[in-house]
Amino acid sequence: MSVPFSPARRLLLAGAAATLPLALLGCKSKAAEPLPFEGNDISGTHLGRDLDMTDTQGRQRTLADFRGKVLLVFFGYTQCPDVCPTAMAQAAQALELLGDQAAQVQVIMVSVDPARDTPAILGAYVHAFDPSFIGLTGTPEQLEKTARSFKAFYAKEPGPTPEQYAMNHSAAFYLMDQDGEARALLGPSLTPEDMAHDIKLLL
């Protein structure tokens, strides 16, 4: 599945994905095992520890709920015209490449547009790409806390009417190990094969 990026959006999102790992590389823990990731190694940064959102079934979710699984966490929204559907399709393709090992992986999309992404809308959206995907939403305060924990960027972009706005946001997946530690940032330039490679390193 290939969806074109607008030049302005490509520049903004690629920049956000590229500058974050550069800022974090100096913060790595020496105890983290270096691995040959295709993405940017962010081991030791402890990103995402304050994840605290609500799933589409109304259950509160934190990292503790996913212990024992490798996570791919993405910040996006259902009305995103290009970045999000492309990213979700790539994640689904990466899981296909993993075969039986895909059962050890959880893909999570955190909505940066909780005002419009109701649990029903978000659930239908992520399940359209893969029934195993989980969507997380919540209050603006929950989103702010969770995004800050990941150092994930999002901002509202006004549209022609108050209801027709867009959300600019980071375009990378956060790859986390079975202990809930952030290990790699997988940017939009990576292929499903690259993503599957990095996931396998943690399985």
N, C-alpha and C. Protein backbone atom coordinates (compact mmCIF):
# COMPACT_ATOMS: atom_id res chain seq x y z
N MET A 1 0.86 -1.21 0.00
CA MET A 1 0.00 0.00 0.00
C MET A 1 0.89 1.24 0.00
N SER A 2 0.75 2.09 -0.97
CA SER A 2 1.59 3.28 -1.06
C SER A 2 0.70 4.50 -1.13
N VAL A 3 0.93 5.45 -0.21
CA VAL A 3 0.14 6.68 -0.17
C VAL A 3 1.09 7.86 -0.26
N PRO A 4 0.88 8.81 -1.17
CA PRO A 4 1.82 9.93 -1.33
C PRO A 4 1.79 10.86 -0.14
N PHE A 5 2.93 11.44 0.16
CA PHE A 5 3.06 12.43 1.22
C PHE A 5 3.04 13.81 0.60
N SER A 6 2.39 14.77 1.25
CA SER A 6 2.52 16.15 0.81
C SER A 6 3.92 16.63 1.16
N PRO A 7 4.53 17.50 0.36
CA PRO A 7 5.90 17.95 0.64
C PRO A 7 6.05 18.56 2.01
N ALA A 8 5.10 19.39 2.42
CA ALA A 8 5.22 20.04 3.73
C ALA A 8 5.13 19.03 4.86
N ARG A 9 4.20 18.09 4.73
CA ARG A 9 4.05 17.08 5.77
C ARG A 9 5.27 16.16 5.83
N ARG A 10 5.78 15.78 4.63
CA ARG A 10 6.96 14.92 4.59
C ARG A 10 8.13 15.59 5.33
N LEU A 11 8.34 16.90 5.06
CA LEU A 11 9.45 17.61 5.67
C LEU A 11 9.28 17.67 7.18
N LEU A 12 8.09 17.99 7.65
CA LEU A 12 7.85 18.11 9.08
C LEU A 12 8.03 16.78 9.78
N LEU A 13 7.42 15.72 9.22
CA LEU A 13 7.45 14.44 9.91
C LEU A 13 8.81 13.77 9.82
N ALA A 14 9.45 13.89 8.68
CA ALA A 14 10.78 13.31 8.57
C ALA A 14 11.74 14.02 9.51
N GLY A 15 11.57 15.33 9.64
CA GLY A 15 12.44 16.09 10.54
C GLY A 15 12.23 15.68 11.97
N ALA A 16 10.97 15.49 12.37
CA ALA A 16 10.69 15.07 13.74
C ALA A 16 11.28 13.71 14.03
N ALA A 17 11.17 12.79 13.06
CA ALA A 17 11.70 11.45 13.26
C ALA A 17 13.22 11.45 13.30
N ALA A 18 13.83 12.34 12.51
CA ALA A 18 15.29 12.34 12.42
C ALA A 18 15.95 13.02 13.60
N THR A 19 15.36 14.10 14.10
CA THR A 19 16.02 14.85 15.16
C THR A 19 15.88 14.20 16.51
N LEU A 20 14.81 13.45 16.75
CA LEU A 20 14.63 12.83 18.05
C LEU A 20 15.75 11.87 18.40
N PRO A 21 16.10 10.89 17.52
CA PRO A 21 17.17 9.98 17.91
C PRO A 21 18.50 10.68 18.12
N LEU A 22 18.77 11.76 17.36
CA LEU A 22 20.03 12.46 17.54
C LEU A 22 20.12 13.06 18.93
N ALA A 23 18.99 13.54 19.43
CA ALA A 23 18.97 14.14 20.76
C ALA A 23 19.10 13.10 21.85
N LEU A 24 18.74 11.86 21.51
CA LEU A 24 18.69 10.83 22.54
C LEU A 24 19.90 9.91 22.55
N LEU A 25 20.66 9.92 21.48
CA LEU A 25 21.76 8.96 21.38
C LEU A 25 22.75 9.08 22.52
N GLY A 26 22.93 10.30 23.05
CA GLY A 26 23.87 10.48 24.14
C GLY A 26 23.36 10.01 25.47
N CYS A 27 22.11 9.53 25.53
CA CYS A 27 21.49 9.15 26.79
C CYS A 27 21.42 7.64 26.97
N LYS A 28 22.04 6.88 26.10
CA LYS A 28 21.91 5.43 26.17
C LYS A 28 22.48 4.87 27.47
N SER A 29 21.86 3.81 27.93
CA SER A 29 22.39 3.09 29.08
C SER A 29 23.46 2.13 28.60
N LYS A 30 24.59 2.10 29.29
CA LYS A 30 25.67 1.19 28.90
C LYS A 30 25.28 -0.26 29.13
N ALA A 31 24.24 -0.47 29.97
CA ALA A 31 23.82 -1.83 30.27
C ALA A 31 23.00 -2.43 29.13
N ALA A 32 22.44 -1.58 28.25
CA ALA A 32 21.62 -2.08 27.16
C ALA A 32 22.50 -2.79 26.14
N GLU A 33 22.06 -3.93 25.70
CA GLU A 33 22.83 -4.70 24.73
C GLU A 33 22.75 -4.04 23.36
N PRO A 34 23.88 -3.65 22.76
CA PRO A 34 23.83 -3.03 21.43
C PRO A 34 23.41 -4.06 20.39
N LEU A 35 22.48 -3.71 19.55
CA LEU A 35 21.97 -4.60 18.53
C LEU A 35 22.02 -3.88 17.18
N PRO A 36 22.16 -4.64 16.10
CA PRO A 36 22.28 -4.02 14.77
C PRO A 36 20.93 -3.63 14.18
N PHE A 37 20.28 -2.65 14.80
CA PHE A 37 18.97 -2.19 14.32
C PHE A 37 19.09 -1.48 12.98
N GLU A 38 18.09 -1.65 12.14
CA GLU A 38 17.97 -0.84 10.94
C GLU A 38 17.47 0.56 11.30
N GLY A 39 16.66 0.65 12.35
CA GLY A 39 16.20 1.93 12.87
C GLY A 39 17.24 2.54 13.77
N ASN A 40 16.90 3.67 14.40
CA ASN A 40 17.82 4.36 15.30
C ASN A 40 17.74 3.77 16.70
N ASP A 41 18.87 3.36 17.22
CA ASP A 41 18.94 2.75 18.55
C ASP A 41 18.68 3.81 19.61
N ILE A 42 17.65 3.60 20.43
CA ILE A 42 17.34 4.53 21.53
C ILE A 42 17.34 3.78 22.86
N SER A 43 18.09 2.70 22.93
CA SER A 43 18.19 1.93 24.17
C SER A 43 18.69 2.81 25.30
N GLY A 44 18.12 2.63 26.47
CA GLY A 44 18.56 3.38 27.63
C GLY A 44 17.88 4.71 27.83
N THR A 45 17.00 5.11 26.91
CA THR A 45 16.31 6.40 27.04
C THR A 45 15.08 6.31 27.93
N HIS A 46 14.57 5.10 28.13
CA HIS A 46 13.39 4.86 28.98
C HIS A 46 12.16 5.60 28.48
N LEU A 47 12.07 5.82 27.19
CA LEU A 47 10.90 6.48 26.64
C LEU A 47 9.65 5.63 26.84
N GLY A 48 8.52 6.30 27.02
CA GLY A 48 7.24 5.63 27.06
C GLY A 48 6.83 5.03 28.38
N ARG A 49 7.62 5.23 29.42
CA ARG A 49 7.30 4.59 30.69
C ARG A 49 5.99 5.09 31.32
N ASP A 50 5.56 6.28 30.92
CA ASP A 50 4.33 6.83 31.49
C ASP A 50 3.12 6.63 30.58
N LEU A 51 3.19 5.66 29.68
CA LEU A 51 2.04 5.36 28.84
C LEU A 51 0.84 5.05 29.74
N ASP A 52 -0.25 5.78 29.55
CA ASP A 52 -1.45 5.61 30.38
C ASP A 52 -2.64 6.11 29.58
N MET A 53 -3.25 5.21 28.82
CA MET A 53 -4.36 5.57 27.94
C MET A 53 -5.50 4.57 28.11
N THR A 54 -6.54 4.72 27.31
CA THR A 54 -7.71 3.85 27.37
C THR A 54 -7.87 3.14 26.04
N ASP A 55 -8.07 1.80 26.08
CA ASP A 55 -8.23 1.08 24.83
C ASP A 55 -9.67 1.20 24.33
N THR A 56 -9.94 0.60 23.19
CA THR A 56 -11.25 0.77 22.56
C THR A 56 -12.35 -0.01 23.27
N GLN A 57 -11.97 -0.80 24.28
CA GLN A 57 -12.94 -1.51 25.11
C GLN A 57 -13.19 -0.79 26.43
N GLY A 58 -12.54 0.38 26.58
CA GLY A 58 -12.75 1.16 27.79
C GLY A 58 -11.84 0.81 28.95
N ARG A 59 -10.80 -0.01 28.71
CA ARG A 59 -9.88 -0.42 29.77
C ARG A 59 -8.67 0.49 29.82
N GLN A 60 -8.26 0.86 31.03
CA GLN A 60 -7.04 1.63 31.20
C GLN A 60 -5.85 0.75 30.86
N ARG A 61 -4.90 1.29 30.13
CA ARG A 61 -3.73 0.52 29.69
C ARG A 61 -2.44 1.25 30.03
N THR A 62 -1.51 0.51 30.60
CA THR A 62 -0.16 1.00 30.86
C THR A 62 0.82 -0.01 30.27
N LEU A 63 2.10 0.29 30.32
CA LEU A 63 3.10 -0.64 29.78
C LEU A 63 3.04 -2.00 30.46
N ALA A 64 2.69 -2.01 31.74
CA ALA A 64 2.65 -3.26 32.49
C ALA A 64 1.69 -4.27 31.85
N ASP A 65 0.65 -3.79 31.17
CA ASP A 65 -0.32 -4.69 30.55
C ASP A 65 0.28 -5.45 29.37
N PHE A 66 1.37 -4.96 28.82
CA PHE A 66 1.95 -5.57 27.63
C PHE A 66 3.28 -6.26 27.91
N ARG A 67 3.62 -6.40 29.18
CA ARG A 67 4.89 -7.04 29.52
C ARG A 67 4.95 -8.44 28.93
N GLY A 68 6.09 -8.78 28.37
CA GLY A 68 6.26 -10.09 27.74
C GLY A 68 6.09 -10.05 26.23
N LYS A 69 5.64 -8.90 25.70
CA LYS A 69 5.50 -8.75 24.26
C LYS A 69 6.39 -7.63 23.75
N VAL A 70 6.86 -7.78 22.53
CA VAL A 70 7.55 -6.68 21.84
C VAL A 70 6.48 -5.73 21.33
N LEU A 71 6.68 -4.43 21.53
CA LEU A 71 5.69 -3.44 21.14
C LEU A 71 6.16 -2.58 19.98
N LEU A 72 5.23 -2.25 19.10
CA LEU A 72 5.42 -1.21 18.09
C LEU A 72 4.37 -0.15 18.39
N VAL A 73 4.81 1.00 18.87
CA VAL A 73 3.88 2.07 19.28
C VAL A 73 3.97 3.21 18.29
N PHE A 74 2.81 3.64 17.80
CA PHE A 74 2.73 4.70 16.80
C PHE A 74 1.71 5.74 17.24
N PHE A 75 2.03 7.02 17.06
CA PHE A 75 1.11 8.11 17.36
C PHE A 75 0.50 8.60 16.05
N GLY A 76 -0.82 8.55 15.94
CA GLY A 76 -1.48 8.98 14.71
C GLY A 76 -2.95 9.25 14.95
N TYR A 77 -3.72 9.31 13.86
CA TYR A 77 -5.17 9.54 14.00
C TYR A 77 -5.89 9.02 12.78
N THR A 78 -7.18 8.73 12.94
CA THR A 78 -7.90 8.01 11.91
C THR A 78 -8.18 8.82 10.66
N GLN A 79 -8.22 10.14 10.76
CA GLN A 79 -8.49 10.97 9.59
C GLN A 79 -7.20 11.42 8.89
N CYS A 80 -6.09 10.88 9.29
CA CYS A 80 -4.80 11.18 8.66
C CYS A 80 -4.85 10.74 7.19
N PRO A 81 -4.51 11.62 6.25
CA PRO A 81 -4.66 11.28 4.83
C PRO A 81 -3.55 10.42 4.25
N ASP A 82 -2.39 10.38 4.87
CA ASP A 82 -1.29 9.69 4.21
C ASP A 82 -0.38 8.92 5.15
N VAL A 83 0.18 9.57 6.14
CA VAL A 83 1.20 8.96 6.99
C VAL A 83 0.67 7.74 7.74
N CYS A 84 -0.48 7.90 8.39
CA CYS A 84 -0.98 6.83 9.26
C CYS A 84 -1.40 5.57 8.51
N PRO A 85 -2.18 5.67 7.43
CA PRO A 85 -2.52 4.44 6.72
C PRO A 85 -1.31 3.74 6.14
N THR A 86 -0.33 4.52 5.70
CA THR A 86 0.90 3.90 5.19
C THR A 86 1.62 3.16 6.31
N ALA A 87 1.76 3.81 7.47
CA ALA A 87 2.46 3.20 8.60
C ALA A 87 1.76 1.94 9.09
N MET A 88 0.43 2.01 9.22
CA MET A 88 -0.31 0.84 9.69
C MET A 88 -0.20 -0.33 8.71
N ALA A 89 -0.25 -0.02 7.41
CA ALA A 89 -0.11 -1.07 6.40
C ALA A 89 1.28 -1.70 6.46
N GLN A 90 2.31 -0.88 6.68
CA GLN A 90 3.67 -1.42 6.79
C GLN A 90 3.81 -2.30 8.02
N ALA A 91 3.20 -1.90 9.13
CA ALA A 91 3.26 -2.72 10.34
C ALA A 91 2.58 -4.06 10.12
N ALA A 92 1.43 -4.05 9.42
CA ALA A 92 0.72 -5.29 9.13
C ALA A 92 1.57 -6.20 8.25
N GLN A 93 2.27 -5.61 7.28
CA GLN A 93 3.13 -6.40 6.41
C GLN A 93 4.31 -6.98 7.19
N ALA A 94 4.84 -6.20 8.13
CA ALA A 94 5.96 -6.69 8.95
C ALA A 94 5.52 -7.90 9.78
N LEU A 95 4.31 -7.84 10.33
CA LEU A 95 3.81 -8.99 11.11
C LEU A 95 3.66 -10.22 10.22
N GLU A 96 3.21 -10.03 9.00
CA GLU A 96 3.08 -11.16 8.07
C GLU A 96 4.43 -11.82 7.84
N LEU A 97 5.46 -11.00 7.73
CA LEU A 97 6.81 -11.53 7.51
C LEU A 97 7.32 -12.31 8.72
N LEU A 98 6.81 -12.01 9.89
CA LEU A 98 7.25 -12.69 11.11
C LEU A 98 6.64 -14.07 11.27
N GLY A 99 5.56 -14.34 10.55
CA GLY A 99 4.92 -15.64 10.66
C GLY A 99 4.39 -15.89 12.06
N ASP A 100 4.70 -17.06 12.61
CA ASP A 100 4.21 -17.44 13.93
C ASP A 100 4.74 -16.53 15.03
N GLN A 101 5.89 -15.89 14.79
CA GLN A 101 6.47 -15.01 15.80
C GLN A 101 5.65 -13.73 16.01
N ALA A 102 4.74 -13.45 15.07
CA ALA A 102 3.91 -12.25 15.18
C ALA A 102 3.05 -12.27 16.44
N ALA A 103 2.77 -13.45 16.97
CA ALA A 103 1.96 -13.57 18.18
C ALA A 103 2.67 -12.97 19.39
N GLN A 104 3.99 -12.77 19.27
CA GLN A 104 4.76 -12.20 20.37
C GLN A 104 4.90 -10.68 20.26
N VAL A 105 4.19 -10.09 19.29
CA VAL A 105 4.32 -8.66 19.01
C VAL A 105 2.95 -7.99 19.14
N GLN A 106 2.94 -6.79 19.72
CA GLN A 106 1.71 -6.01 19.80
C GLN A 106 1.91 -4.66 19.14
N VAL A 107 1.10 -4.36 18.14
CA VAL A 107 1.12 -3.05 17.49
C VAL A 107 0.06 -2.17 18.17
N ILE A 108 0.47 -0.97 18.57
CA ILE A 108 -0.42 -0.04 19.27
C ILE A 108 -0.42 1.29 18.54
N MET A 109 -1.61 1.81 18.25
CA MET A 109 -1.73 3.16 17.70
C MET A 109 -2.36 4.03 18.77
N VAL A 110 -1.63 5.08 19.19
CA VAL A 110 -2.13 6.05 20.16
C VAL A 110 -2.71 7.22 19.37
N SER A 111 -3.99 7.50 19.57
CA SER A 111 -4.61 8.59 18.83
C SER A 111 -4.17 9.95 19.37
N VAL A 112 -3.76 10.82 18.45
CA VAL A 112 -3.44 12.20 18.82
C VAL A 112 -4.64 13.12 18.57
N ASP A 113 -5.79 12.50 18.28
CA ASP A 113 -7.01 13.25 17.99
C ASP A 113 -8.17 12.66 18.78
N PRO A 114 -8.09 12.67 20.12
CA PRO A 114 -9.13 12.02 20.92
C PRO A 114 -10.51 12.65 20.76
N ALA A 115 -10.58 13.90 20.32
CA ALA A 115 -11.87 14.55 20.15
C ALA A 115 -12.70 13.87 19.06
N ARG A 116 -12.04 13.39 18.02
CA ARG A 116 -12.77 12.74 16.92
C ARG A 116 -12.62 11.23 16.92
N ASP A 117 -11.53 10.72 17.49
CA ASP A 117 -11.29 9.27 17.48
C ASP A 117 -11.95 8.62 18.68
N THR A 118 -13.25 8.38 18.54
CA THR A 118 -13.97 7.65 19.58
C THR A 118 -13.46 6.21 19.62
N PRO A 119 -13.72 5.49 20.72
CA PRO A 119 -13.30 4.08 20.77
C PRO A 119 -13.80 3.26 19.58
N ALA A 120 -15.06 3.48 19.17
CA ALA A 120 -15.61 2.70 18.05
C ALA A 120 -14.89 3.02 16.75
N ILE A 121 -14.65 4.30 16.49
CA ILE A 121 -13.98 4.71 15.25
C ILE A 121 -12.54 4.22 15.24
N LEU A 122 -11.84 4.39 16.35
CA LEU A 122 -10.44 3.99 16.42
C LEU A 122 -10.30 2.48 16.31
N GLY A 123 -11.19 1.75 17.00
CA GLY A 123 -11.13 0.29 16.94
C GLY A 123 -11.34 -0.23 15.53
N ALA A 124 -12.33 0.31 14.83
CA ALA A 124 -12.59 -0.12 13.46
C ALA A 124 -11.41 0.19 12.55
N TYR A 125 -10.78 1.33 12.79
CA TYR A 125 -9.66 1.76 11.95
C TYR A 125 -8.47 0.80 12.09
N VAL A 126 -8.02 0.57 13.30
CA VAL A 126 -6.82 -0.27 13.47
C VAL A 126 -7.10 -1.72 13.08
N HIS A 127 -8.32 -2.21 13.34
CA HIS A 127 -8.63 -3.60 13.00
C HIS A 127 -8.75 -3.80 11.50
N ALA A 128 -8.96 -2.72 10.75
CA ALA A 128 -8.99 -2.85 9.30
C ALA A 128 -7.63 -3.24 8.75
N PHE A 129 -6.58 -2.92 9.47
CA PHE A 129 -5.22 -3.28 9.04
C PHE A 129 -4.81 -4.64 9.58
N ASP A 130 -5.20 -4.93 10.81
CA ASP A 130 -4.92 -6.23 11.42
C ASP A 130 -5.79 -6.38 12.66
N PRO A 131 -6.49 -7.48 12.81
CA PRO A 131 -7.38 -7.65 13.96
C PRO A 131 -6.66 -7.63 15.31
N SER A 132 -5.35 -7.86 15.30
CA SER A 132 -4.61 -7.88 16.56
C SER A 132 -4.17 -6.50 17.02
N PHE A 133 -4.27 -5.50 16.14
CA PHE A 133 -3.81 -4.15 16.49
C PHE A 133 -4.70 -3.57 17.60
N ILE A 134 -4.09 -2.77 18.45
CA ILE A 134 -4.81 -2.11 19.54
C ILE A 134 -4.77 -0.61 19.33
N GLY A 135 -5.91 0.06 19.52
CA GLY A 135 -5.97 1.51 19.48
C GLY A 135 -6.13 2.05 20.89
N LEU A 136 -5.42 3.12 21.20
CA LEU A 136 -5.52 3.75 22.51
C LEU A 136 -5.93 5.21 22.34
N THR A 137 -6.86 5.65 23.16
CA THR A 137 -7.29 7.03 23.15
C THR A 137 -7.43 7.48 24.60
N GLY A 138 -8.07 8.61 24.84
CA GLY A 138 -8.20 9.07 26.21
C GLY A 138 -8.47 10.56 26.27
N THR A 139 -8.29 11.13 27.42
CA THR A 139 -8.49 12.57 27.59
C THR A 139 -7.30 13.33 27.03
N PRO A 140 -7.47 14.63 26.76
CA PRO A 140 -6.31 15.43 26.33
C PRO A 140 -5.17 15.37 27.33
N GLU A 141 -5.51 15.28 28.62
CA GLU A 141 -4.47 15.22 29.65
C GLU A 141 -3.71 13.90 29.59
N GLN A 142 -4.42 12.81 29.35
CA GLN A 142 -3.76 11.51 29.21
C GLN A 142 -2.84 11.51 28.00
N LEU A 143 -3.34 12.06 26.90
CA LEU A 143 -2.53 12.10 25.68
C LEU A 143 -1.28 12.93 25.90
N GLU A 144 -1.42 14.08 26.53
CA GLU A 144 -0.26 14.95 26.75
C GLU A 144 0.80 14.24 27.59
N LYS A 145 0.36 13.57 28.65
CA LYS A 145 1.30 12.86 29.52
C LYS A 145 2.00 11.73 28.78
N THR A 146 1.22 10.96 28.02
CA THR A 146 1.79 9.83 27.31
C THR A 146 2.74 10.29 26.21
N ALA A 147 2.33 11.28 25.42
CA ALA A 147 3.18 11.78 24.34
C ALA A 147 4.47 12.37 24.90
N ARG A 148 4.36 13.09 26.01
CA ARG A 148 5.56 13.67 26.62
C ARG A 148 6.52 12.57 27.06
N SER A 149 5.97 11.46 27.55
CA SER A 149 6.80 10.35 27.98
C SER A 149 7.58 9.75 26.82
N PHE A 150 6.97 9.74 25.63
CA PHE A 150 7.64 9.21 24.43
C PHE A 150 8.44 10.29 23.70
N LYS A 151 8.30 11.55 24.14
CA LYS A 151 8.86 12.68 23.39
C LYS A 151 8.29 12.71 21.97
N ALA A 152 7.02 12.36 21.87
CA ALA A 152 6.33 12.33 20.58
C ALA A 152 5.70 13.69 20.31
N PHE A 153 5.82 14.14 19.08
CA PHE A 153 5.29 15.44 18.68
C PHE A 153 3.88 15.31 18.11
N TYR A 154 3.00 16.24 18.47
CA TYR A 154 1.71 16.37 17.79
C TYR A 154 1.23 17.81 17.94
N ALA A 155 0.51 18.30 16.94
CA ALA A 155 0.00 19.67 16.98
C ALA A 155 -1.17 19.79 16.03
N LYS A 156 -2.18 20.55 16.43
CA LYS A 156 -3.37 20.76 15.61
C LYS A 156 -3.08 21.78 14.52
N GLU A 157 -3.52 21.47 13.32
CA GLU A 157 -3.35 22.37 12.17
C GLU A 157 -4.73 22.82 11.70
N PRO A 158 -5.08 24.09 11.86
CA PRO A 158 -6.43 24.56 11.50
C PRO A 158 -6.75 24.28 10.03
N GLY A 159 -8.05 23.99 9.80
CA GLY A 159 -8.52 23.75 8.44
C GLY A 159 -9.52 24.80 8.02
N PRO A 160 -10.26 24.57 6.94
CA PRO A 160 -11.22 25.54 6.43
C PRO A 160 -12.39 25.80 7.39
N THR A 161 -12.70 24.79 8.24
CA THR A 161 -13.73 24.97 9.26
C THR A 161 -13.17 24.42 10.57
N PRO A 162 -13.78 24.78 11.70
CA PRO A 162 -13.28 24.26 12.99
C PRO A 162 -13.24 22.74 13.05
N GLU A 163 -14.14 22.07 12.33
CA GLU A 163 -14.18 20.61 12.37
C GLU A 163 -13.22 19.96 11.38
N GLN A 164 -12.78 20.70 10.38
CA GLN A 164 -11.93 20.14 9.33
C GLN A 164 -10.48 20.51 9.56
N TYR A 165 -9.94 20.04 10.64
CA TYR A 165 -8.55 20.31 10.96
C TYR A 165 -7.71 19.06 10.74
N ALA A 166 -6.42 19.24 10.70
CA ALA A 166 -5.48 18.13 10.58
C ALA A 166 -4.62 18.10 11.84
N MET A 167 -3.95 16.97 12.04
CA MET A 167 -3.03 16.83 13.16
C MET A 167 -1.64 16.50 12.61
N ASN A 168 -0.69 17.39 12.82
CA ASN A 168 0.69 17.06 12.50
C ASN A 168 1.24 16.22 13.64
N HIS A 169 2.06 15.23 13.30
CA HIS A 169 2.53 14.33 14.36
C HIS A 169 3.79 13.59 13.93
N SER A 170 4.47 13.04 14.91
CA SER A 170 5.66 12.23 14.63
C SER A 170 5.27 11.05 13.74
N ALA A 171 6.21 10.60 12.92
CA ALA A 171 5.88 9.56 11.94
C ALA A 171 6.60 8.25 12.19
N ALA A 172 7.26 8.09 13.33
CA ALA A 172 8.05 6.89 13.58
C ALA A 172 7.35 5.95 14.55
N PHE A 173 7.66 4.66 14.42
CA PHE A 173 7.26 3.66 15.40
C PHE A 173 8.31 3.58 16.50
N TYR A 174 7.85 3.42 17.73
CA TYR A 174 8.74 3.16 18.86
C TYR A 174 8.75 1.65 19.07
N LEU A 175 9.92 1.05 18.94
CA LEU A 175 10.06 -0.39 19.16
C LEU A 175 10.50 -0.62 20.59
N MET A 176 9.73 -1.41 21.33
CA MET A 176 9.99 -1.63 22.75
C MET A 176 10.11 -3.12 23.02
N ASP A 177 11.01 -3.48 23.93
CA ASP A 177 11.23 -4.89 24.22
C ASP A 177 10.21 -5.45 25.21
N GLN A 178 10.37 -6.72 25.56
CA GLN A 178 9.39 -7.40 26.41
C GLN A 178 9.32 -6.83 27.82
N ASP A 179 10.34 -6.07 28.22
CA ASP A 179 10.35 -5.44 29.53
C ASP A 179 9.83 -4.01 29.51
N GLY A 180 9.35 -3.58 28.34
CA GLY A 180 8.81 -2.22 28.23
C GLY A 180 9.87 -1.15 28.05
N GLU A 181 11.07 -1.54 27.64
CA GLU A 181 12.15 -0.57 27.41
C GLU A 181 12.19 -0.19 25.94
N ALA A 182 12.26 1.11 25.66
CA ALA A 182 12.38 1.58 24.29
C ALA A 182 13.74 1.18 23.73
N ARG A 183 13.75 0.59 22.54
CA ARG A 183 15.01 0.10 21.97
C ARG A 183 15.36 0.72 20.62
N ALA A 184 14.36 1.04 19.80
CA ALA A 184 14.68 1.60 18.47
C ALA A 184 13.53 2.47 17.99
N LEU A 185 13.90 3.46 17.18
CA LEU A 185 12.93 4.35 16.55
C LEU A 185 12.92 3.99 15.06
N LEU A 186 11.78 3.52 14.58
CA LEU A 186 11.67 3.04 13.20
C LEU A 186 10.97 4.11 12.37
N GLY A 187 11.74 4.85 11.59
CA GLY A 187 11.23 5.96 10.82
C GLY A 187 10.48 5.53 9.57
N PRO A 188 9.82 6.48 8.90
CA PRO A 188 8.98 6.16 7.73
C PRO A 188 9.76 5.68 6.52
N SER A 189 11.08 5.83 6.52
CA SER A 189 11.86 5.37 5.37
C SER A 189 12.12 3.86 5.42
N LEU A 190 11.88 3.22 6.56
CA LEU A 190 12.14 1.79 6.68
C LEU A 190 11.05 0.98 5.98
N THR A 191 11.44 -0.15 5.43
CA THR A 191 10.51 -1.06 4.77
C THR A 191 9.94 -2.05 5.79
N PRO A 192 8.86 -2.75 5.44
CA PRO A 192 8.37 -3.81 6.32
C PRO A 192 9.44 -4.85 6.63
N GLU A 193 10.31 -5.11 5.66
CA GLU A 193 11.41 -6.06 5.89
C GLU A 193 12.37 -5.55 6.96
N ASP A 194 12.66 -4.23 6.91
CA ASP A 194 13.51 -3.62 7.93
C ASP A 194 12.85 -3.72 9.30
N MET A 195 11.57 -3.44 9.35
CA MET A 195 10.84 -3.48 10.61
C MET A 195 10.84 -4.90 11.19
N ALA A 196 10.58 -5.88 10.33
CA ALA A 196 10.58 -7.27 10.79
C ALA A 196 11.97 -7.67 11.30
N HIS A 197 13.01 -7.20 10.63
CA HIS A 197 14.38 -7.48 11.06
C HIS A 197 14.62 -6.97 12.48
N ASP A 198 14.22 -5.73 12.75
CA ASP A 198 14.47 -5.14 14.07
C ASP A 198 13.63 -5.80 15.14
N ILE A 199 12.41 -6.17 14.80
CA ILE A 199 11.56 -6.88 15.76
C ILE A 199 12.19 -8.21 16.14
N LYS A 200 12.68 -8.94 15.15
CA LYS A 200 13.28 -10.26 15.40
C LYS A 200 14.46 -10.18 16.35
N LEU A 201 15.18 -9.07 16.32
CA LEU A 201 16.33 -8.91 17.22
C LEU A 201 15.91 -8.96 18.68
N LEU A 202 14.64 -8.65 18.95
CA LEU A 202 14.16 -8.61 20.34
C LEU A 202 13.37 -9.84 20.73
N LEU A 203 13.15 -10.75 19.80
CA LEU A 203 12.36 -11.95 20.10
C LEU A 203 13.24 -13.10 20.59
